[in-house]
Amino acid sequence: MKTALSIALLAMIVAFAACGPKQPPEGPRKQNEIQALWTQIRDWRREAGMDVEPRPTDVNAVAPMTVKQVQQVCPENHAVPQACSDVCSLADAICDNAEQICILADELGKRDTWAQDKCASAKASCRDAKKKCCKCSEANSTPAAAPAKPATTTTKPATTAAAGSATTTKVRAP
């Protein structure tokens, strides 16, 4: 009996030690992370000279879109002039945060309206910031010089005096 009690007590201690202390639920941790990322976006919007919150119509317009779709504002591989590097870097950071917020919101589920609203707001902020970057890039880009004409080759017959026969020579046109 004493041995059975000792074994049972030992089993309980081992089981408790293996499980460790109870971890807090994932929901509040993820919501706190969303809140921190969203607060950063608001700070960056202010830093970029934008309103702290995106317009509600913009939030509703981008809600069904993915962050990748929302980012597609500028022409692909557009050049970012030095004068726009700050605003474009902020746009990239805002979009990175939006991506993380939306991942966390999806993990919390479509029924978590608070998280889904933060995701939509973050996507609208991403789009606004990308638009600001594109406008800056367009305003500060130097027009490209007209491309140089490629050199052309023409063929003209030439005669050799010694042989008296015609030969063909390629001459580069200016």
N, C-alpha and C. Protein backbone atom coordinates (compact mmCIF):
# COMPACT_ATOMS: atom_id res chain seq x y z
N MET A 1 0.82 -1.18 0.00
CA MET A 1 0.00 0.00 0.00
C MET A 1 0.87 1.25 0.00
N LYS A 2 1.89 1.22 0.85
CA LYS A 2 2.78 2.37 0.94
C LYS A 2 3.51 2.58 -0.38
N THR A 3 3.89 1.51 -1.06
CA THR A 3 4.58 1.58 -2.33
C THR A 3 3.65 2.13 -3.40
N ALA A 4 2.42 1.71 -3.40
CA ALA A 4 1.45 2.18 -4.39
C ALA A 4 1.21 3.68 -4.21
N LEU A 5 1.12 4.12 -2.97
CA LEU A 5 0.92 5.55 -2.69
C LEU A 5 2.13 6.36 -3.13
N SER A 6 3.32 5.83 -2.90
CA SER A 6 4.55 6.51 -3.32
C SER A 6 4.62 6.62 -4.84
N ILE A 7 4.25 5.55 -5.51
CA ILE A 7 4.28 5.55 -6.98
C ILE A 7 3.26 6.55 -7.52
N ALA A 8 2.08 6.59 -6.94
CA ALA A 8 1.03 7.52 -7.39
C ALA A 8 1.47 8.96 -7.17
N LEU A 9 2.07 9.22 -6.02
CA LEU A 9 2.55 10.57 -5.72
C LEU A 9 3.67 10.97 -6.67
N LEU A 10 4.57 10.05 -6.95
CA LEU A 10 5.66 10.30 -7.89
C LEU A 10 5.10 10.56 -9.30
N ALA A 11 4.11 9.82 -9.70
CA ALA A 11 3.49 9.99 -11.03
C ALA A 11 2.85 11.37 -11.13
N MET A 12 2.20 11.82 -10.07
CA MET A 12 1.57 13.15 -10.07
C MET A 12 2.63 14.25 -10.17
N ILE A 13 3.73 14.09 -9.46
CA ILE A 13 4.80 15.08 -9.50
C ILE A 13 5.40 15.15 -10.90
N VAL A 14 5.65 14.00 -11.48
CA VAL A 14 6.22 13.95 -12.83
C VAL A 14 5.25 14.57 -13.83
N ALA A 15 3.97 14.26 -13.71
CA ALA A 15 2.97 14.80 -14.64
C ALA A 15 2.88 16.32 -14.49
N PHE A 16 2.88 16.81 -13.27
CA PHE A 16 2.80 18.25 -13.05
C PHE A 16 4.05 18.95 -13.59
N ALA A 17 5.21 18.36 -13.36
CA ALA A 17 6.46 18.96 -13.84
C ALA A 17 6.51 18.96 -15.36
N ALA A 18 6.01 17.92 -16.00
CA ALA A 18 6.03 17.85 -17.46
C ALA A 18 5.10 18.89 -18.07
N CYS A 19 3.96 19.11 -17.44
CA CYS A 19 3.00 20.07 -17.98
C CYS A 19 3.43 21.50 -17.69
N GLY A 20 4.11 21.71 -16.61
CA GLY A 20 4.56 23.05 -16.24
C GLY A 20 3.39 23.94 -15.87
N PRO A 21 3.70 25.21 -15.64
CA PRO A 21 2.62 26.12 -15.29
C PRO A 21 1.72 26.35 -16.50
N LYS A 22 0.48 26.64 -16.23
CA LYS A 22 -0.49 26.84 -17.30
C LYS A 22 -0.13 28.10 -18.10
N GLN A 23 -0.09 27.95 -19.43
CA GLN A 23 0.23 29.07 -20.32
C GLN A 23 -1.02 29.94 -20.52
N PRO A 24 -0.82 31.24 -20.69
CA PRO A 24 -1.98 32.10 -20.95
C PRO A 24 -2.56 31.77 -22.31
N PRO A 25 -3.85 32.04 -22.52
CA PRO A 25 -4.47 31.75 -23.82
C PRO A 25 -3.80 32.57 -24.93
N GLU A 26 -3.81 32.01 -26.13
CA GLU A 26 -3.18 32.66 -27.29
C GLU A 26 -3.91 33.93 -27.71
N GLY A 27 -5.22 33.96 -27.57
CA GLY A 27 -6.02 35.10 -28.03
C GLY A 27 -5.52 36.44 -27.52
N PRO A 28 -5.41 36.63 -26.21
CA PRO A 28 -4.96 37.93 -25.70
C PRO A 28 -3.54 38.29 -26.14
N ARG A 29 -2.66 37.30 -26.24
CA ARG A 29 -1.30 37.58 -26.69
C ARG A 29 -1.31 38.08 -28.13
N LYS A 30 -2.08 37.44 -28.96
CA LYS A 30 -2.17 37.84 -30.37
C LYS A 30 -2.83 39.21 -30.50
N GLN A 31 -3.84 39.47 -29.70
CA GLN A 31 -4.50 40.79 -29.74
C GLN A 31 -3.53 41.88 -29.29
N ASN A 32 -2.72 41.59 -28.28
CA ASN A 32 -1.72 42.58 -27.83
C ASN A 32 -0.70 42.85 -28.93
N GLU A 33 -0.32 41.80 -29.65
CA GLU A 33 0.64 41.97 -30.74
C GLU A 33 0.02 42.80 -31.87
N ILE A 34 -1.23 42.52 -32.19
CA ILE A 34 -1.94 43.31 -33.21
C ILE A 34 -1.98 44.77 -32.79
N GLN A 35 -2.32 45.02 -31.53
CA GLN A 35 -2.42 46.39 -31.03
C GLN A 35 -1.07 47.11 -31.15
N ALA A 36 0.01 46.43 -30.81
CA ALA A 36 1.35 47.04 -30.89
C ALA A 36 1.72 47.36 -32.34
N LEU A 37 1.46 46.43 -33.26
CA LEU A 37 1.77 46.65 -34.68
C LEU A 37 0.91 47.78 -35.25
N TRP A 38 -0.35 47.80 -34.88
CA TRP A 38 -1.29 48.83 -35.35
C TRP A 38 -0.89 50.21 -34.83
N THR A 39 -0.45 50.27 -33.58
CA THR A 39 0.02 51.53 -32.99
C THR A 39 1.25 52.03 -33.74
N GLN A 40 2.14 51.12 -34.10
CA GLN A 40 3.32 51.51 -34.90
C GLN A 40 2.90 52.10 -36.24
N ILE A 41 1.92 51.49 -36.88
CA ILE A 41 1.43 52.01 -38.16
C ILE A 41 0.92 53.44 -37.98
N ARG A 42 0.16 53.67 -36.93
CA ARG A 42 -0.37 55.02 -36.68
C ARG A 42 0.78 56.02 -36.49
N ASP A 43 1.81 55.63 -35.77
CA ASP A 43 2.97 56.51 -35.57
C ASP A 43 3.67 56.80 -36.89
N TRP A 44 3.81 55.76 -37.72
CA TRP A 44 4.48 55.94 -39.01
C TRP A 44 3.64 56.80 -39.96
N ARG A 45 2.32 56.67 -39.89
CA ARG A 45 1.44 57.52 -40.72
C ARG A 45 1.67 58.99 -40.33
N ARG A 46 1.72 59.23 -39.03
CA ARG A 46 1.95 60.60 -38.55
C ARG A 46 3.31 61.10 -39.04
N GLU A 47 4.32 60.25 -38.94
CA GLU A 47 5.68 60.60 -39.36
C GLU A 47 5.72 60.92 -40.86
N ALA A 48 4.89 60.24 -41.64
CA ALA A 48 4.86 60.45 -43.09
C ALA A 48 3.97 61.63 -43.48
N GLY A 49 3.41 62.33 -42.49
CA GLY A 49 2.55 63.47 -42.79
C GLY A 49 1.15 63.08 -43.23
N MET A 50 0.73 61.87 -42.88
CA MET A 50 -0.60 61.39 -43.25
C MET A 50 -1.52 61.51 -42.04
N ASP A 51 -2.83 61.46 -42.29
CA ASP A 51 -3.77 61.37 -41.17
C ASP A 51 -3.47 60.08 -40.41
N VAL A 52 -3.72 60.09 -39.10
CA VAL A 52 -3.39 58.93 -38.28
C VAL A 52 -4.24 57.72 -38.67
N GLU A 53 -5.46 57.93 -39.07
CA GLU A 53 -6.37 56.86 -39.46
C GLU A 53 -6.68 56.94 -40.94
N PRO A 54 -6.77 55.82 -41.62
CA PRO A 54 -7.23 55.85 -43.01
C PRO A 54 -8.73 56.18 -43.07
N ARG A 55 -9.17 56.66 -44.22
CA ARG A 55 -10.59 56.98 -44.37
C ARG A 55 -11.42 55.70 -44.34
N PRO A 56 -12.59 55.75 -43.72
CA PRO A 56 -13.44 54.55 -43.65
C PRO A 56 -13.77 53.96 -45.03
N THR A 57 -13.96 54.83 -46.04
CA THR A 57 -14.25 54.30 -47.38
C THR A 57 -13.07 53.50 -47.92
N ASP A 58 -11.84 53.95 -47.61
CA ASP A 58 -10.65 53.21 -48.04
C ASP A 58 -10.55 51.87 -47.30
N VAL A 59 -10.88 51.88 -46.02
CA VAL A 59 -10.84 50.64 -45.23
C VAL A 59 -11.82 49.63 -45.81
N ASN A 60 -13.03 50.08 -46.12
CA ASN A 60 -14.03 49.17 -46.69
C ASN A 60 -13.63 48.67 -48.07
N ALA A 61 -12.98 49.52 -48.86
CA ALA A 61 -12.59 49.14 -50.22
C ALA A 61 -11.53 48.04 -50.23
N VAL A 62 -10.61 48.07 -49.28
CA VAL A 62 -9.52 47.09 -49.29
C VAL A 62 -9.78 45.87 -48.42
N ALA A 63 -10.85 45.89 -47.64
CA ALA A 63 -11.12 44.78 -46.70
C ALA A 63 -11.08 43.40 -47.36
N PRO A 64 -11.68 43.21 -48.54
CA PRO A 64 -11.65 41.86 -49.12
C PRO A 64 -10.34 41.52 -49.83
N MET A 65 -9.44 42.48 -49.96
CA MET A 65 -8.18 42.26 -50.69
C MET A 65 -7.11 41.70 -49.76
N THR A 66 -6.08 41.09 -50.37
CA THR A 66 -4.92 40.65 -49.59
C THR A 66 -3.95 41.83 -49.49
N VAL A 67 -3.00 41.73 -48.58
CA VAL A 67 -2.00 42.79 -48.44
C VAL A 67 -1.19 42.89 -49.73
N LYS A 68 -0.88 41.76 -50.35
CA LYS A 68 -0.12 41.78 -51.62
C LYS A 68 -0.87 42.55 -52.69
N GLN A 69 -2.17 42.36 -52.78
CA GLN A 69 -2.98 43.08 -53.77
C GLN A 69 -3.00 44.58 -53.47
N VAL A 70 -3.12 44.90 -52.20
CA VAL A 70 -3.20 46.30 -51.78
C VAL A 70 -1.91 47.05 -52.12
N GLN A 71 -0.79 46.36 -52.03
CA GLN A 71 0.52 46.99 -52.27
C GLN A 71 0.76 47.34 -53.73
N GLN A 72 0.02 46.75 -54.63
CA GLN A 72 0.27 46.92 -56.06
C GLN A 72 -0.30 48.25 -56.55
N VAL A 73 0.36 49.32 -56.15
CA VAL A 73 -0.06 50.67 -56.52
C VAL A 73 0.90 51.25 -57.54
N CYS A 74 2.17 51.12 -57.29
CA CYS A 74 3.19 51.67 -58.18
C CYS A 74 3.45 50.72 -59.34
N PRO A 75 3.99 51.25 -60.42
CA PRO A 75 4.42 50.34 -61.49
C PRO A 75 5.47 49.37 -60.93
N GLU A 76 5.46 48.17 -61.43
CA GLU A 76 6.40 47.15 -60.94
C GLU A 76 7.84 47.62 -61.11
N ASN A 77 8.64 47.42 -60.07
CA ASN A 77 10.06 47.78 -60.06
C ASN A 77 10.30 49.26 -60.34
N HIS A 78 9.41 50.12 -59.84
CA HIS A 78 9.62 51.56 -60.06
C HIS A 78 10.85 52.02 -59.29
N ALA A 79 11.51 53.00 -59.86
CA ALA A 79 12.72 53.54 -59.21
C ALA A 79 12.30 54.49 -58.10
N VAL A 80 12.97 54.39 -56.98
CA VAL A 80 12.70 55.27 -55.84
C VAL A 80 13.83 56.29 -55.76
N PRO A 81 13.54 57.55 -56.09
CA PRO A 81 14.58 58.57 -55.99
C PRO A 81 15.01 58.76 -54.53
N GLN A 82 16.21 59.24 -54.33
CA GLN A 82 16.74 59.45 -52.98
C GLN A 82 15.79 60.31 -52.15
N ALA A 83 15.19 61.32 -52.78
CA ALA A 83 14.28 62.22 -52.06
C ALA A 83 13.07 61.49 -51.49
N CYS A 84 12.77 60.31 -52.00
CA CYS A 84 11.58 59.56 -51.57
C CYS A 84 11.91 58.34 -50.71
N SER A 85 13.18 58.13 -50.43
CA SER A 85 13.55 56.90 -49.73
C SER A 85 12.89 56.79 -48.36
N ASP A 86 12.76 57.90 -47.63
CA ASP A 86 12.14 57.84 -46.30
C ASP A 86 10.67 57.43 -46.39
N VAL A 87 9.92 58.13 -47.24
CA VAL A 87 8.49 57.85 -47.33
C VAL A 87 8.25 56.45 -47.89
N CYS A 88 9.09 56.00 -48.82
CA CYS A 88 8.92 54.66 -49.38
C CYS A 88 9.33 53.58 -48.38
N SER A 89 10.33 53.85 -47.56
CA SER A 89 10.72 52.90 -46.51
C SER A 89 9.61 52.78 -45.47
N LEU A 90 8.99 53.90 -45.12
CA LEU A 90 7.85 53.86 -44.19
C LEU A 90 6.70 53.06 -44.79
N ALA A 91 6.47 53.23 -46.08
CA ALA A 91 5.40 52.48 -46.76
C ALA A 91 5.68 50.98 -46.67
N ASP A 92 6.91 50.58 -46.91
CA ASP A 92 7.28 49.17 -46.80
C ASP A 92 7.06 48.64 -45.39
N ALA A 93 7.45 49.44 -44.40
CA ALA A 93 7.29 49.03 -42.99
C ALA A 93 5.81 48.91 -42.63
N ILE A 94 5.01 49.86 -43.09
CA ILE A 94 3.56 49.82 -42.82
C ILE A 94 2.96 48.55 -43.44
N CYS A 95 3.36 48.25 -44.67
CA CYS A 95 2.83 47.05 -45.34
C CYS A 95 3.30 45.76 -44.65
N ASP A 96 4.53 45.75 -44.15
CA ASP A 96 5.01 44.58 -43.40
C ASP A 96 4.18 44.38 -42.14
N ASN A 97 3.89 45.47 -41.43
CA ASN A 97 3.05 45.37 -40.23
C ASN A 97 1.64 44.91 -40.59
N ALA A 98 1.11 45.44 -41.70
CA ALA A 98 -0.23 45.04 -42.14
C ALA A 98 -0.27 43.53 -42.39
N GLU A 99 0.76 43.03 -43.04
CA GLU A 99 0.84 41.58 -43.32
C GLU A 99 0.79 40.79 -42.01
N GLN A 100 1.57 41.20 -41.02
CA GLN A 100 1.60 40.50 -39.73
C GLN A 100 0.26 40.60 -39.01
N ILE A 101 -0.33 41.79 -39.02
CA ILE A 101 -1.64 41.97 -38.37
C ILE A 101 -2.67 41.04 -38.99
N CYS A 102 -2.67 40.96 -40.31
CA CYS A 102 -3.68 40.12 -40.99
C CYS A 102 -3.44 38.64 -40.74
N ILE A 103 -2.19 38.23 -40.64
CA ILE A 103 -1.89 36.83 -40.29
C ILE A 103 -2.44 36.52 -38.91
N LEU A 104 -2.15 37.40 -37.95
CA LEU A 104 -2.65 37.19 -36.58
C LEU A 104 -4.18 37.23 -36.54
N ALA A 105 -4.77 38.16 -37.28
CA ALA A 105 -6.23 38.26 -37.30
C ALA A 105 -6.85 36.98 -37.87
N ASP A 106 -6.25 36.42 -38.91
CA ASP A 106 -6.75 35.17 -39.48
C ASP A 106 -6.60 34.02 -38.50
N GLU A 107 -5.51 34.02 -37.74
CA GLU A 107 -5.32 32.98 -36.71
C GLU A 107 -6.39 33.09 -35.63
N LEU A 108 -6.82 34.32 -35.33
CA LEU A 108 -7.86 34.51 -34.32
C LEU A 108 -9.24 34.17 -34.87
N GLY A 109 -9.38 34.17 -36.19
CA GLY A 109 -10.63 33.76 -36.82
C GLY A 109 -11.43 34.92 -37.37
N LYS A 110 -12.26 34.60 -38.34
CA LYS A 110 -13.10 35.61 -39.00
C LYS A 110 -14.15 36.20 -38.07
N ARG A 111 -14.45 35.50 -36.98
CA ARG A 111 -15.47 35.99 -36.04
C ARG A 111 -14.90 37.05 -35.09
N ASP A 112 -13.59 37.17 -35.03
CA ASP A 112 -12.97 38.19 -34.18
C ASP A 112 -12.99 39.51 -34.95
N THR A 113 -14.09 40.23 -34.83
CA THR A 113 -14.28 41.45 -35.63
C THR A 113 -13.26 42.52 -35.29
N TRP A 114 -12.84 42.59 -34.03
CA TRP A 114 -11.84 43.59 -33.65
C TRP A 114 -10.56 43.35 -34.45
N ALA A 115 -10.09 42.11 -34.48
CA ALA A 115 -8.85 41.78 -35.19
C ALA A 115 -9.02 41.97 -36.69
N GLN A 116 -10.17 41.57 -37.23
CA GLN A 116 -10.42 41.73 -38.67
C GLN A 116 -10.49 43.21 -39.05
N ASP A 117 -11.06 44.04 -38.18
CA ASP A 117 -11.10 45.49 -38.43
C ASP A 117 -9.70 46.09 -38.42
N LYS A 118 -8.84 45.63 -37.52
CA LYS A 118 -7.45 46.12 -37.48
C LYS A 118 -6.72 45.70 -38.75
N CYS A 119 -7.01 44.51 -39.24
CA CYS A 119 -6.40 44.04 -40.49
C CYS A 119 -6.83 44.95 -41.64
N ALA A 120 -8.11 45.23 -41.75
CA ALA A 120 -8.61 46.09 -42.84
C ALA A 120 -8.02 47.49 -42.74
N SER A 121 -7.94 48.02 -41.54
CA SER A 121 -7.36 49.35 -41.34
C SER A 121 -5.88 49.36 -41.74
N ALA A 122 -5.17 48.31 -41.36
CA ALA A 122 -3.75 48.21 -41.70
C ALA A 122 -3.55 48.11 -43.21
N LYS A 123 -4.42 47.37 -43.89
CA LYS A 123 -4.33 47.27 -45.35
C LYS A 123 -4.59 48.63 -46.01
N ALA A 124 -5.55 49.38 -45.49
CA ALA A 124 -5.82 50.71 -46.03
C ALA A 124 -4.62 51.63 -45.80
N SER A 125 -3.99 51.50 -44.64
CA SER A 125 -2.78 52.30 -44.36
C SER A 125 -1.66 51.92 -45.31
N CYS A 126 -1.53 50.65 -45.59
CA CYS A 126 -0.51 50.18 -46.53
C CYS A 126 -0.75 50.80 -47.91
N ARG A 127 -1.97 50.75 -48.37
CA ARG A 127 -2.30 51.31 -49.69
C ARG A 127 -2.04 52.82 -49.72
N ASP A 128 -2.47 53.53 -48.67
CA ASP A 128 -2.24 54.98 -48.60
C ASP A 128 -0.75 55.30 -48.66
N ALA A 129 0.03 54.56 -47.90
CA ALA A 129 1.47 54.81 -47.84
C ALA A 129 2.13 54.50 -49.19
N LYS A 130 1.71 53.42 -49.84
CA LYS A 130 2.26 53.09 -51.16
C LYS A 130 1.91 54.18 -52.18
N LYS A 131 0.69 54.70 -52.11
CA LYS A 131 0.29 55.78 -53.01
C LYS A 131 1.18 57.00 -52.79
N LYS A 132 1.44 57.31 -51.53
CA LYS A 132 2.29 58.46 -51.22
C LYS A 132 3.70 58.25 -51.76
N CYS A 133 4.21 57.03 -51.65
CA CYS A 133 5.53 56.70 -52.18
C CYS A 133 5.55 56.86 -53.70
N CYS A 134 4.53 56.36 -54.38
CA CYS A 134 4.47 56.44 -55.85
C CYS A 134 4.39 57.89 -56.31
N LYS A 135 3.55 58.68 -55.64
CA LYS A 135 3.43 60.10 -56.02
C LYS A 135 4.75 60.81 -55.84
N CYS A 136 5.44 60.52 -54.77
CA CYS A 136 6.75 61.14 -54.53
C CYS A 136 7.73 60.72 -55.62
N SER A 137 7.73 59.44 -55.94
CA SER A 137 8.64 58.93 -56.97
C SER A 137 8.37 59.56 -58.32
N GLU A 138 7.09 59.70 -58.66
CA GLU A 138 6.73 60.33 -59.94
C GLU A 138 7.15 61.79 -59.97
N ALA A 139 6.94 62.49 -58.86
CA ALA A 139 7.26 63.92 -58.80
C ALA A 139 8.76 64.18 -58.81
N ASN A 140 9.54 63.23 -58.31
CA ASN A 140 10.98 63.44 -58.19
C ASN A 140 11.82 62.66 -59.18
N SER A 141 11.17 61.99 -60.11
CA SER A 141 11.96 61.22 -61.07
C SER A 141 12.42 62.14 -62.20
N THR A 142 13.61 61.88 -62.69
CA THR A 142 14.11 62.65 -63.82
C THR A 142 13.66 61.95 -65.07
N PRO A 143 13.18 62.72 -66.05
CA PRO A 143 12.73 62.06 -67.27
C PRO A 143 13.90 61.34 -67.93
N ALA A 144 13.63 60.18 -68.38
CA ALA A 144 14.68 59.39 -69.02
C ALA A 144 15.04 60.01 -70.36
N ALA A 145 16.32 60.02 -70.63
CA ALA A 145 16.78 60.54 -71.91
C ALA A 145 16.32 59.59 -73.01
N ALA A 146 16.14 60.13 -74.18
CA ALA A 146 15.72 59.30 -75.30
C ALA A 146 16.79 58.25 -75.54
N PRO A 147 16.38 57.03 -75.77
CA PRO A 147 17.38 55.99 -75.98
C PRO A 147 18.19 56.27 -77.24
N ALA A 148 19.47 55.97 -77.17
CA ALA A 148 20.35 56.18 -78.32
C ALA A 148 19.97 55.22 -79.42
N LYS A 149 20.09 55.69 -80.64
CA LYS A 149 19.80 54.82 -81.77
C LYS A 149 20.90 53.78 -81.87
N PRO A 150 20.51 52.54 -82.09
CA PRO A 150 21.54 51.53 -82.24
C PRO A 150 22.28 51.74 -83.56
N ALA A 151 23.53 51.39 -83.56
CA ALA A 151 24.32 51.52 -84.79
C ALA A 151 23.77 50.54 -85.81
N THR A 152 23.69 50.98 -87.05
CA THR A 152 23.21 50.10 -88.10
C THR A 152 24.34 49.76 -89.05
N THR A 153 24.21 48.66 -89.66
CA THR A 153 25.22 48.29 -90.66
C THR A 153 24.55 48.25 -92.01
N THR A 154 25.22 48.78 -92.96
CA THR A 154 24.71 48.74 -94.33
C THR A 154 25.73 48.00 -95.18
N THR A 155 25.24 47.47 -96.21
CA THR A 155 26.12 46.75 -97.11
C THR A 155 26.22 47.54 -98.41
N LYS A 156 27.44 47.83 -98.83
CA LYS A 156 27.59 48.50 -100.13
C LYS A 156 28.70 47.82 -100.91
N PRO A 157 28.49 47.72 -102.17
CA PRO A 157 29.50 47.04 -102.98
C PRO A 157 30.74 47.90 -103.14
N ALA A 158 31.87 47.27 -103.18
CA ALA A 158 33.14 47.95 -103.42
C ALA A 158 33.89 47.14 -104.46
N THR A 159 34.68 47.79 -105.21
CA THR A 159 35.45 47.07 -106.22
C THR A 159 36.91 47.15 -105.87
N THR A 160 37.59 46.11 -106.14
CA THR A 160 39.04 46.11 -105.95
C THR A 160 39.68 46.32 -107.30
N ALA A 161 40.57 47.23 -107.35
CA ALA A 161 41.20 47.60 -108.61
C ALA A 161 42.02 46.46 -109.17
N ALA A 162 42.67 45.71 -108.30
CA ALA A 162 43.57 44.67 -108.79
C ALA A 162 42.81 43.55 -109.44
N ALA A 163 41.73 43.13 -108.82
CA ALA A 163 41.05 41.98 -109.36
C ALA A 163 39.95 42.38 -110.32
N GLY A 164 39.47 43.62 -110.20
CA GLY A 164 38.40 44.07 -111.07
C GLY A 164 37.08 43.43 -110.76
N SER A 165 36.98 42.82 -109.59
CA SER A 165 35.71 42.18 -109.24
C SER A 165 35.06 42.93 -108.09
N ALA A 166 33.78 42.77 -107.98
CA ALA A 166 33.04 43.43 -106.91
C ALA A 166 33.07 42.58 -105.66
N THR A 167 33.29 43.22 -104.51
CA THR A 167 33.22 42.53 -103.22
C THR A 167 32.26 43.32 -102.36
N THR A 168 31.75 42.70 -101.33
CA THR A 168 30.81 43.37 -100.44
C THR A 168 31.52 43.70 -99.14
N THR A 169 31.37 44.94 -98.67
CA THR A 169 31.99 45.37 -97.43
C THR A 169 30.90 45.93 -96.51
N LYS A 170 30.97 45.62 -95.24
CA LYS A 170 30.01 46.17 -94.26
C LYS A 170 30.60 47.45 -93.70
N VAL A 171 29.78 48.48 -93.70
CA VAL A 171 30.21 49.79 -93.20
C VAL A 171 29.23 50.19 -92.10
N ARG A 172 29.77 50.64 -90.95
CA ARG A 172 28.91 51.09 -89.83
C ARG A 172 28.42 52.49 -90.11
N ALA A 173 27.12 52.64 -90.04
CA ALA A 173 26.54 53.97 -90.24
C ALA A 173 26.67 54.75 -88.95
N PRO A 174 26.85 56.06 -89.04
CA PRO A 174 26.98 56.86 -87.81
C PRO A 174 25.70 56.96 -87.04
